[in-house]
Protein backbone atom coordinates (compact mmCIF):
# COMPACT_ATOMS: atom_id res chain seq x y z
CA MET A 1 -15.94 52.34 82.74
CA ASP A 2 -18.17 52.18 79.70
CA ARG A 3 -15.14 52.58 77.48
CA ARG A 4 -13.35 49.63 79.10
CA ILE A 5 -16.34 47.30 78.63
CA SER A 6 -16.73 48.46 75.05
CA LYS A 7 -13.00 47.91 74.42
CA ASN A 8 -13.18 44.40 75.90
CA ARG A 9 -16.13 43.52 73.66
CA ASN A 10 -14.29 44.70 70.52
CA THR A 11 -11.20 42.73 71.50
CA LYS A 12 -13.30 39.60 72.06
CA LYS A 13 -15.00 40.12 68.69
CA ARG A 14 -11.66 40.46 66.91
CA GLY A 15 -10.38 37.29 68.52
CA SER A 16 -13.51 35.33 67.71
CA ILE A 17 -13.44 36.50 64.08
CA LEU A 18 -9.84 35.28 63.77
CA VAL A 19 -10.81 31.88 65.17
CA GLU A 20 -13.76 31.70 62.78
CA ILE A 21 -11.55 32.53 59.79
CA ILE A 22 -8.96 29.91 60.76
CA LEU A 23 -11.68 27.31 61.30
CA SER A 24 -13.25 28.15 57.93
CA LEU A 25 -9.90 27.85 56.13
CA TRP A 26 -9.27 24.50 57.81
CA ILE A 27 -12.66 23.18 56.67
CA VAL A 28 -12.09 24.43 53.10
CA LEU A 29 -8.66 22.76 52.97
CA LEU A 30 -10.17 19.54 54.26
CA PHE A 31 -12.79 19.56 51.50
CA ILE A 32 -10.12 20.25 48.87
CA ALA A 33 -8.01 17.28 50.01
CA ILE A 34 -10.87 14.77 49.78
CA PRO A 35 -11.52 15.11 46.00
CA ILE A 36 -7.79 14.98 45.25
CA GLU A 37 -7.41 11.69 47.12
CA ALA A 38 -10.61 10.32 45.55
CA THR A 39 -9.26 11.14 42.08
CA ASN A 40 -6.01 9.30 42.79
CA LEU A 41 -7.92 6.29 44.06
CA LEU A 42 -10.18 6.30 40.99
CA GLN A 43 -7.20 6.39 38.61
CA ARG A 44 -5.64 3.35 40.31
CA ASN A 45 -8.98 1.53 40.15
CA LEU A 46 -9.42 2.32 36.43
CA GLN A 47 -5.93 1.00 35.63
CA PHE A 48 -6.77 -2.23 37.45
CA GLU A 49 -10.03 -2.54 35.51
CA GLN A 50 -8.21 -2.07 32.19
CA ASN A 51 -5.82 -4.92 33.05
CA VAL A 52 -8.76 -7.15 33.94
CA GLN A 53 -10.53 -6.21 30.70
CA ASP A 54 -7.37 -7.07 28.75
CA GLU A 55 -7.26 -10.51 30.36
CA ILE A 56 -10.94 -11.13 29.58
CA SER A 57 -10.53 -10.01 25.96
CA LEU A 58 -7.46 -12.16 25.45
CA LEU A 59 -9.28 -15.18 26.88
CA GLN A 60 -12.08 -14.57 24.37
CA LEU A 61 -9.49 -14.31 21.60
CA LYS A 62 -7.89 -17.60 22.72
CA ARG A 63 -11.30 -19.29 22.53
CA ILE A 64 -11.91 -17.91 19.03
CA LEU A 65 -8.49 -19.08 17.84
CA LEU A 66 -9.01 -22.48 19.45
CA LEU A 67 -12.15 -22.93 17.32
CA SER A 68 -10.44 -21.59 14.19
CA TYR A 69 -8.31 -23.16 11.48
CA ASP A 70 -6.05 -22.09 8.64
CA ILE A 71 -4.34 -19.47 10.83
CA HIS A 72 -1.80 -17.23 9.09
CA VAL A 73 0.51 -15.09 11.19
CA GLU A 74 1.86 -11.82 9.82
CA LYS A 75 3.82 -9.24 11.76
CA ASP A 76 0.93 -6.81 12.25
CA TYR A 77 -2.17 -8.96 11.67
CA LEU A 78 -3.62 -12.49 11.84
CA THR A 79 -5.95 -14.15 9.36
CA PHE A 80 -7.93 -17.30 10.09
CA ILE A 81 -11.18 -19.11 9.35
CA TYR A 82 -13.73 -18.94 12.17
CA GLU A 83 -17.30 -20.18 11.80
CA GLU A 84 -16.72 -20.63 8.06
CA ARG A 85 -15.76 -16.94 7.60
CA GLU A 86 -12.35 -15.52 6.88
CA CYS A 87 -11.42 -13.22 9.77
CA ILE A 88 -8.71 -10.63 10.19
CA LEU A 89 -7.36 -9.51 13.53
CA SER A 90 -5.55 -6.16 13.24
CA LEU A 91 -4.91 -2.78 14.84
CA ILE A 92 -7.23 -0.02 13.59
CA ASN A 93 -7.36 3.43 15.23
CA GLN A 94 -5.61 2.22 18.41
CA LYS A 95 -8.03 -0.70 18.79
CA LEU A 96 -7.45 -4.41 18.23
CA ILE A 97 -10.38 -5.31 15.98
CA LEU A 98 -11.66 -8.64 14.72
CA GLN A 99 -13.26 -8.35 11.28
CA PRO A 100 -15.70 -8.95 9.56
CA GLY A 101 -17.78 -6.69 11.71
CA THR A 102 -16.25 -4.54 14.38
CA TYR A 103 -15.48 -6.73 17.36
CA ILE A 104 -13.17 -4.61 19.55
CA LEU A 105 -10.91 -6.70 21.77
CA LEU A 106 -8.38 -4.18 23.13
CA ILE A 107 -8.44 -0.38 23.27
CA ASP A 108 -5.85 2.41 23.53
CA ILE A 109 -3.13 0.30 21.88
CA ASP A 110 -0.15 2.22 20.48
CA ALA A 111 1.52 -0.68 18.62
CA ILE A 112 0.88 -4.37 18.08
CA SER A 113 2.71 -7.34 16.63
CA PHE A 114 2.13 -11.06 16.26
CA SER A 115 4.86 -13.69 16.35
CA THR A 116 5.37 -17.43 16.54
CA ASN A 117 7.72 -19.43 18.70
CA ASN A 118 7.76 -23.15 19.59
CA ASN A 119 4.43 -23.78 17.84
CA MET A 120 2.76 -20.94 19.77
CA ILE A 121 1.31 -17.61 18.59
CA PHE A 122 2.14 -14.56 20.67
CA ILE A 123 0.59 -11.12 20.68
CA SER A 124 2.72 -8.18 21.82
CA PHE A 125 1.27 -4.76 22.33
CA GLU A 126 2.27 -1.41 23.74
CA ARG A 127 0.02 0.92 25.71
CA GLU A 128 1.22 4.15 27.32
CA GLY A 129 4.85 3.08 26.95
CA LYS A 130 4.32 -0.31 28.64
CA LYS A 131 4.90 -3.45 26.57
CA LYS A 132 2.99 -6.67 27.20
CA GLN A 133 3.20 -10.08 25.56
CA TYR A 134 0.73 -12.96 25.79
CA ALA A 135 0.50 -16.43 24.26
CA ILE A 136 -2.83 -16.61 22.45
CA ALA A 137 -2.77 -19.88 20.50
CA LYS A 138 -0.98 -23.16 20.19
CA GLY A 139 -1.03 -25.63 17.35
CA ILE A 140 -0.59 -25.90 13.60
CA PHE A 141 -0.48 -22.61 11.73
CA GLU A 142 1.43 -20.94 8.93
């Protein structure tokens, strides 16, 4: 009789250990899935923030150009007079920079170009294979 009771206890232990292992694996898998989903959500949020930052920077650039004169448009840079200083807007080390100084307007830019059409100045840039174009100024320029 003692052997039967002992056998039943071992069987119950084996079964409970299996349940504990399965439960532990399930909890571990659950905790692995949470950071993966959080990372995906964070990447989407960062992309949205970069688009918003681009819009803010381009609005600041529009304001600067609105207050500027003697604007010259070249394919890969702009020159103009702003606050009685000659300024250059160009791509340096994947950043759109306003000089003199180092006023960074856009970051992680692969290519940039400026163009004119119907008395408007356009900026076109490429980032991560995506091309974007914005009107940044209107008026008299060369």
